[in-house]
Amino acid sequence: MKTLNDHLANYAAYHRDRRNIAIHSIGIPLIVLAVAAILSRPRYVNDVFPVSPALVLFGIATAFYLRLDLRFGLGMAGVSMVSLAFGAWAAAQSQAMWLGAGLGLFLLGWTLQFVGHYWEGRKPAFVDDLMGLAIGPLFILAEAAFALGLRPEVQRHVESVAGPPRAGRAGRLEPRA
């Protein structure tokens, strides 16, 4: 199994343009909230608490993050709880509001992602490795931690493999070697 450092360094290699990282810090959370909203219906209500596809997916994802790294895993558990709360709220709304919120956030988030990758001049990481879909939210949390001076040992490793973030050139379309 890949380590936290392996996953983050691989994902970071596709995200070195500072504008792309910044736009991902908006787009990825929108997509996460959208997925939580869309998958919060249907719900199976039992005697303990309601279970939805969102709860199952976010539970599996949180277990994965915790297995990778306890500190980042706990941070991602918090992200999951906030996302699930939003999803439950959205699912309790009218069908039009629920679908509008879920699909609207999903489309906006992915539009931002592709704008960022246009700036980056590189395809999204998930095109080469589907795990990029799970690592994206963790990458945003890690970038926030790095900006706060947390986990410098992880940041050093990521930058030693992927290089430091850089100012980009608009519209680069050729792939990097």
C-alpha atoms as a PDB file:
ATOM      1  CA  MET A   1       0.000   0.000   0.000  1.00  0.00           C
ATOM      2  CA  LYS A   2       1.225   3.471  -0.837  1.00  0.00           C
ATOM      3  CA  THR A   3       2.088   5.747   2.060  1.00  0.00           C
ATOM      4  CA  LEU A   4       0.711   9.202   2.774  1.00  0.00           C
ATOM      5  CA  ASN A   5       3.871  10.718   1.319  1.00  0.00           C
ATOM      6  CA  ASP A   6       3.591   8.580  -1.834  1.00  0.00           C
ATOM      7  CA  HIS A   7      -0.036   9.582  -2.448  1.00  0.00           C
ATOM      8  CA  LEU A   8       0.533  13.278  -1.788  1.00  0.00           C
ATOM      9  CA  ALA A   9       3.724  13.458  -3.875  1.00  0.00           C
ATOM     10  CA  ASN A  10       2.056  11.697  -6.803  1.00  0.00           C
ATOM     11  CA  TYR A  11      -0.969  13.993  -6.639  1.00  0.00           C
ATOM     12  CA  ALA A  12       1.192  17.088  -6.159  1.00  0.00           C
ATOM     13  CA  ALA A  13       3.128  16.305  -9.345  1.00  0.00           C
ATOM     14  CA  TYR A  14      -0.069  17.188 -11.249  1.00  0.00           C
ATOM     15  CA  HIS A  15      -0.611  20.344  -9.169  1.00  0.00           C
ATOM     16  CA  ARG A  16       2.409  22.643  -9.020  1.00  0.00           C
ATOM     17  CA  ASP A  17       0.864  25.814 -10.474  1.00  0.00           C
ATOM     18  CA  ARG A  18      -0.131  28.035  -7.542  1.00  0.00           C
ATOM     19  CA  ARG A  19      -3.290  29.164  -9.367  1.00  0.00           C
ATOM     20  CA  ASN A  20      -4.330  25.557  -9.883  1.00  0.00           C
ATOM     21  CA  ILE A  21      -3.752  24.760  -6.211  1.00  0.00           C
ATOM     22  CA  ALA A  22      -5.767  27.847  -5.210  1.00  0.00           C
ATOM     23  CA  ILE A  23      -8.669  27.028  -7.502  1.00  0.00           C
ATOM     24  CA  HIS A  24      -8.608  23.394  -6.338  1.00  0.00           C
ATOM     25  CA  SER A  25      -8.994  24.659  -2.769  1.00  0.00           C
ATOM     26  CA  ILE A  26     -12.412  25.920  -3.860  1.00  0.00           C
ATOM     27  CA  GLY A  27     -13.406  23.329  -6.462  1.00  0.00           C
ATOM     28  CA  ILE A  28     -12.606  20.181  -4.481  1.00  0.00           C
ATOM     29  CA  PRO A  29     -14.622  21.183  -1.393  1.00  0.00           C
ATOM     30  CA  LEU A  30     -17.563  22.042  -3.670  1.00  0.00           C
ATOM     31  CA  ILE A  31     -17.357  18.582  -5.246  1.00  0.00           C
ATOM     32  CA  VAL A  32     -17.108  16.901  -1.836  1.00  0.00           C
ATOM     33  CA  LEU A  33     -20.194  18.770  -0.615  1.00  0.00           C
ATOM     34  CA  ALA A  34     -22.024  17.910  -3.845  1.00  0.00           C
ATOM     35  CA  VAL A  35     -21.251  14.201  -3.497  1.00  0.00           C
ATOM     36  CA  ALA A  36     -22.405  14.286   0.134  1.00  0.00           C
ATOM     37  CA  ALA A  37     -25.640  15.975  -0.893  1.00  0.00           C
ATOM     38  CA  ILE A  38     -26.402  13.744  -3.871  1.00  0.00           C
ATOM     39  CA  LEU A  39     -25.647  10.523  -1.974  1.00  0.00           C
ATOM     40  CA  SER A  40     -27.614  11.529   1.126  1.00  0.00           C
ATOM     41  CA  ARG A  41     -30.754  10.214  -0.567  1.00  0.00           C
ATOM     42  CA  PRO A  42     -32.002   7.548  -0.167  1.00  0.00           C
ATOM     43  CA  ARG A  43     -31.715   6.969   3.570  1.00  0.00           C
ATOM     44  CA  TYR A  44     -32.464   3.848   5.495  1.00  0.00           C
ATOM     45  CA  VAL A  45     -33.740   4.821   8.930  1.00  0.00           C
ATOM     46  CA  ASN A  46     -33.117   2.299  11.674  1.00  0.00           C
ATOM     47  CA  ASP A  47     -33.337   2.502  15.466  1.00  0.00           C
ATOM     48  CA  VAL A  48     -29.909   4.105  15.844  1.00  0.00           C
ATOM     49  CA  PHE A  49     -29.369   6.601  13.005  1.00  0.00           C
ATOM     50  CA  PRO A  50     -30.165   7.005   9.321  1.00  0.00           C
ATOM     51  CA  VAL A  51     -27.802   5.290   6.864  1.00  0.00           C
ATOM     52  CA  SER A  52     -27.286   6.655   3.373  1.00  0.00           C
ATOM     53  CA  PRO A  53     -24.878   5.932   0.526  1.00  0.00           C
ATOM     54  CA  ALA A  54     -23.078   9.129   1.596  1.00  0.00           C
ATOM     55  CA  LEU A  55     -22.503   7.768   5.093  1.00  0.00           C
ATOM     56  CA  VAL A  56     -21.096   4.526   3.692  1.00  0.00           C
ATOM     57  CA  LEU A  57     -18.799   6.298   1.185  1.00  0.00           C
ATOM     58  CA  PHE A  58     -17.520   8.885   3.664  1.00  0.00           C
ATOM     59  CA  GLY A  59     -17.054   6.165   6.296  1.00  0.00           C
ATOM     60  CA  ILE A  60     -14.887   4.118   3.926  1.00  0.00           C
ATOM     61  CA  ALA A  61     -12.944   7.221   2.867  1.00  0.00           C
ATOM     62  CA  THR A  62     -12.352   8.266   6.472  1.00  0.00           C
ATOM     63  CA  ALA A  63     -11.088   4.785   7.356  1.00  0.00           C
ATOM     64  CA  PHE A  64      -8.687   5.016   4.390  1.00  0.00           C
ATOM     65  CA  TYR A  65      -7.405   8.445   5.502  1.00  0.00           C
ATOM     66  CA  LEU A  66      -6.979   7.267   9.102  1.00  0.00           C
ATOM     67  CA  ARG A  67      -5.010   4.264   7.902  1.00  0.00           C
ATOM     68  CA  LEU A  68      -2.723   6.541   5.885  1.00  0.00           C
ATOM     69  CA  ASP A  69      -2.048   8.991   8.704  1.00  0.00           C
ATOM     70  CA  LEU A  70      -3.724   9.566  12.054  1.00  0.00           C
ATOM     71  CA  ARG A  71      -3.382  13.364  12.139  1.00  0.00           C
ATOM     72  CA  PHE A  72      -4.530  13.998   8.579  1.00  0.00           C
ATOM     73  CA  GLY A  73      -7.105  11.225   9.003  1.00  0.00           C
ATOM     74  CA  LEU A  74      -8.640  13.033  11.964  1.00  0.00           C
ATOM     75  CA  GLY A  75      -8.745  16.218   9.914  1.00  0.00           C
ATOM     76  CA  MET A  76     -10.471  14.356   7.096  1.00  0.00           C
ATOM     77  CA  ALA A  77     -12.905  12.851   9.617  1.00  0.00           C
ATOM     78  CA  GLY A  78     -13.882  16.423  10.489  1.00  0.00           C
ATOM     79  CA  VAL A  79     -14.284  17.244   6.793  1.00  0.00           C
ATOM     80  CA  SER A  80     -16.464  14.137   6.426  1.00  0.00           C
ATOM     81  CA  MET A  81     -18.675  15.129   9.358  1.00  0.00           C
ATOM     82  CA  VAL A  82     -19.223  18.638   7.998  1.00  0.00           C
ATOM     83  CA  SER A  83     -19.913  17.239   4.518  1.00  0.00           C
ATOM     84  CA  LEU A  84     -22.364  14.655   5.844  1.00  0.00           C
ATOM     85  CA  ALA A  85     -24.173  17.329   7.873  1.00  0.00           C
ATOM     86  CA  PHE A  86     -24.498  19.444   4.736  1.00  0.00           C
ATOM     87  CA  GLY A  87     -25.638  16.411   2.751  1.00  0.00           C
ATOM     88  CA  ALA A  88     -28.287  15.547   5.345  1.00  0.00           C
ATOM     89  CA  TRP A  89     -29.519  19.144   5.299  1.00  0.00           C
ATOM     90  CA  ALA A  90     -29.684  19.176   1.479  1.00  0.00           C
ATOM     91  CA  ALA A  91     -31.453  15.808   1.382  1.00  0.00           C
ATOM     92  CA  ALA A  92     -34.121  17.117   3.784  1.00  0.00           C
ATOM     93  CA  GLN A  93     -35.024  19.903   1.345  1.00  0.00           C
ATOM     94  CA  SER A  94     -37.418  19.656  -1.561  1.00  0.00           C
ATOM     95  CA  GLN A  95     -36.321  17.450  -4.431  1.00  0.00           C
ATOM     96  CA  ALA A  96     -35.645  20.515  -6.620  1.00  0.00           C
ATOM     97  CA  MET A  97     -33.524  22.183  -3.940  1.00  0.00           C
ATOM     98  CA  TRP A  98     -31.646  18.932  -3.175  1.00  0.00           C
ATOM     99  CA  LEU A  99     -30.865  18.246  -6.831  1.00  0.00           C
ATOM    100  CA  GLY A 100     -30.126  21.899  -7.572  1.00  0.00           C
ATOM    101  CA  ALA A 101     -27.654  22.129  -4.712  1.00  0.00           C
ATOM    102  CA  GLY A 102     -26.005  18.795  -5.439  1.00  0.00           C
ATOM    103  CA  LEU A 103     -25.743  19.099  -9.200  1.00  0.00           C
ATOM    104  CA  GLY A 104     -24.997  22.824  -9.133  1.00  0.00           C
ATOM    105  CA  LEU A 105     -22.094  22.428  -6.705  1.00  0.00           C
ATOM    106  CA  PHE A 106     -20.836  19.399  -8.637  1.00  0.00           C
ATOM    107  CA  LEU A 107     -20.798  21.217 -11.979  1.00  0.00           C
ATOM    108  CA  LEU A 108     -19.265  24.370 -10.527  1.00  0.00           C
ATOM    109  CA  GLY A 109     -16.590  22.389  -8.705  1.00  0.00           C
ATOM    110  CA  TRP A 110     -15.600  20.410 -11.807  1.00  0.00           C
ATOM    111  CA  THR A 111     -15.616  23.521 -13.978  1.00  0.00           C
ATOM    112  CA  LEU A 112     -13.141  25.119 -11.576  1.00  0.00           C
ATOM    113  CA  GLN A 113     -11.027  21.944 -11.629  1.00  0.00           C
ATOM    114  CA  PHE A 114     -10.718  22.005 -15.396  1.00  0.00           C
ATOM    115  CA  VAL A 115      -9.909  25.719 -15.459  1.00  0.00           C
ATOM    116  CA  GLY A 116      -7.133  25.010 -12.967  1.00  0.00           C
ATOM    117  CA  HIS A 117      -5.769  22.192 -15.095  1.00  0.00           C
ATOM    118  CA  TYR A 118      -5.856  24.418 -18.170  1.00  0.00           C
ATOM    119  CA  TRP A 119      -3.617  26.815 -16.237  1.00  0.00           C
ATOM    120  CA  GLU A 120      -1.468  23.921 -15.057  1.00  0.00           C
ATOM    121  CA  GLY A 121      -1.109  22.588 -18.581  1.00  0.00           C
ATOM    122  CA  ARG A 122      -1.546  19.075 -17.295  1.00  0.00           C
ATOM    123  CA  LYS A 123      -4.390  16.575 -17.132  1.00  0.00           C
ATOM    124  CA  PRO A 124      -6.033  15.824 -13.773  1.00  0.00           C
ATOM    125  CA  ALA A 125      -4.315  13.185 -11.618  1.00  0.00           C
ATOM    126  CA  PHE A 126      -7.347  10.880 -11.602  1.00  0.00           C
ATOM    127  CA  VAL A 127      -6.971  10.325 -15.357  1.00  0.00           C
ATOM    128  CA  ASP A 128      -3.828   8.263 -14.644  1.00  0.00           C
ATOM    129  CA  ASP A 129      -4.835   6.970 -11.204  1.00  0.00           C
ATOM    130  CA  LEU A 130      -8.426   6.854  -9.952  1.00  0.00           C
ATOM    131  CA  MET A 131      -7.112   7.194  -6.381  1.00  0.00           C
ATOM    132  CA  GLY A 132      -6.617  10.858  -7.291  1.00  0.00           C
ATOM    133  CA  LEU A 133     -10.339  11.283  -6.647  1.00  0.00           C
ATOM    134  CA  ALA A 134      -9.822  10.251  -3.010  1.00  0.00           C
ATOM    135  CA  ILE A 135      -6.486  12.025  -2.591  1.00  0.00           C
ATOM    136  CA  GLY A 136      -7.711  15.399  -3.878  1.00  0.00           C
ATOM    137  CA  PRO A 137      -9.527  16.375  -0.660  1.00  0.00           C
ATOM    138  CA  LEU A 138      -6.574  15.146   1.414  1.00  0.00           C
ATOM    139  CA  PHE A 139      -4.223  17.216  -0.760  1.00  0.00           C
ATOM    140  CA  ILE A 140      -6.258  20.367  -0.031  1.00  0.00           C
ATOM    141  CA  LEU A 141      -6.131  19.640   3.704  1.00  0.00           C
ATOM    142  CA  ALA A 142      -2.373  19.014   3.457  1.00  0.00           C
ATOM    143  CA  GLU A 143      -1.813  22.267   1.526  1.00  0.00           C
ATOM    144  CA  ALA A 144      -3.721  24.152   4.249  1.00  0.00           C
ATOM    145  CA  ALA A 145      -1.590  22.442   6.906  1.00  0.00           C
ATOM    146  CA  PHE A 146       1.594  23.336   5.021  1.00  0.00           C
ATOM    147  CA  ALA A 147       0.478  26.986   4.767  1.00  0.00           C
ATOM    148  CA  LEU A 148       0.065  26.984   8.562  1.00  0.00           C
ATOM    149  CA  GLY A 149       3.549  25.543   9.036  1.00  0.00           C
ATOM    150  CA  LEU A 150       2.220  22.124  10.078  1.00  0.00           C
ATOM    151  CA  ARG A 151       3.693  18.812   8.964  1.00  0.00           C
ATOM    152  CA  PRO A 152       6.909  20.272   7.454  1.00  0.00           C
ATOM    153  CA  GLU A 153       8.372  16.772   7.127  1.00  0.00           C
ATOM    154  CA  VAL A 154       5.540  15.781   4.780  1.00  0.00           C
ATOM    155  CA  GLN A 155       5.838  19.034   2.857  1.00  0.00           C
ATOM    156  CA  ARG A 156       9.597  18.514   2.418  1.00  0.00           C
ATOM    157  CA  HIS A 157       9.016  15.029   1.054  1.00  0.00           C
ATOM    158  CA  VAL A 158       6.253  16.128  -1.329  1.00  0.00           C
ATOM    159  CA  GLU A 159       8.350  19.002  -2.667  1.00  0.00           C
ATOM    160  CA  SER A 160      11.470  16.823  -2.982  1.00  0.00           C
ATOM    161  CA  VAL A 161       9.515  14.517  -5.309  1.00  0.00           C
ATOM    162  CA  ALA A 162       7.095  16.885  -7.091  1.00  0.00           C
ATOM    163  CA  GLY A 163       8.995  20.167  -6.801  1.00  0.00           C
ATOM    164  CA  PRO A 164       7.809  23.313  -5.073  1.00  0.00           C
ATOM    165  CA  PRO A 165       4.665  25.146  -6.174  1.00  0.00           C
ATOM    166  CA  ARG A 166       5.404  27.675  -8.916  1.00  0.00           C
ATOM    167  CA  ALA A 167       3.854  30.609 -10.656  1.00  0.00           C
ATOM    168  CA  GLY A 168       2.291  29.309 -13.853  1.00  0.00           C
ATOM    169  CA  ARG A 169       1.934  30.338 -17.437  1.00  0.00           C
ATOM    170  CA  ALA A 170      -1.626  30.704 -18.688  1.00  0.00           C
ATOM    171  CA  GLY A 171      -2.823  28.251 -21.249  1.00  0.00           C
ATOM    172  CA  ARG A 172       0.037  25.743 -21.304  1.00  0.00           C
ATOM    173  CA  LEU A 173      -1.455  22.724 -22.968  1.00  0.00           C
ATOM    174  CA  GLU A 174       1.553  20.525 -23.643  1.00  0.00           C
ATOM    175  CA  PRO A 175       2.129  17.783 -21.109  1.00  0.00           C
ATOM    176  CA  ARG A 176       5.236  17.904 -18.958  1.00  0.00           C
ATOM    177  CA  ALA A 177       7.696  15.048 -19.043  1.00  0.00           C
END
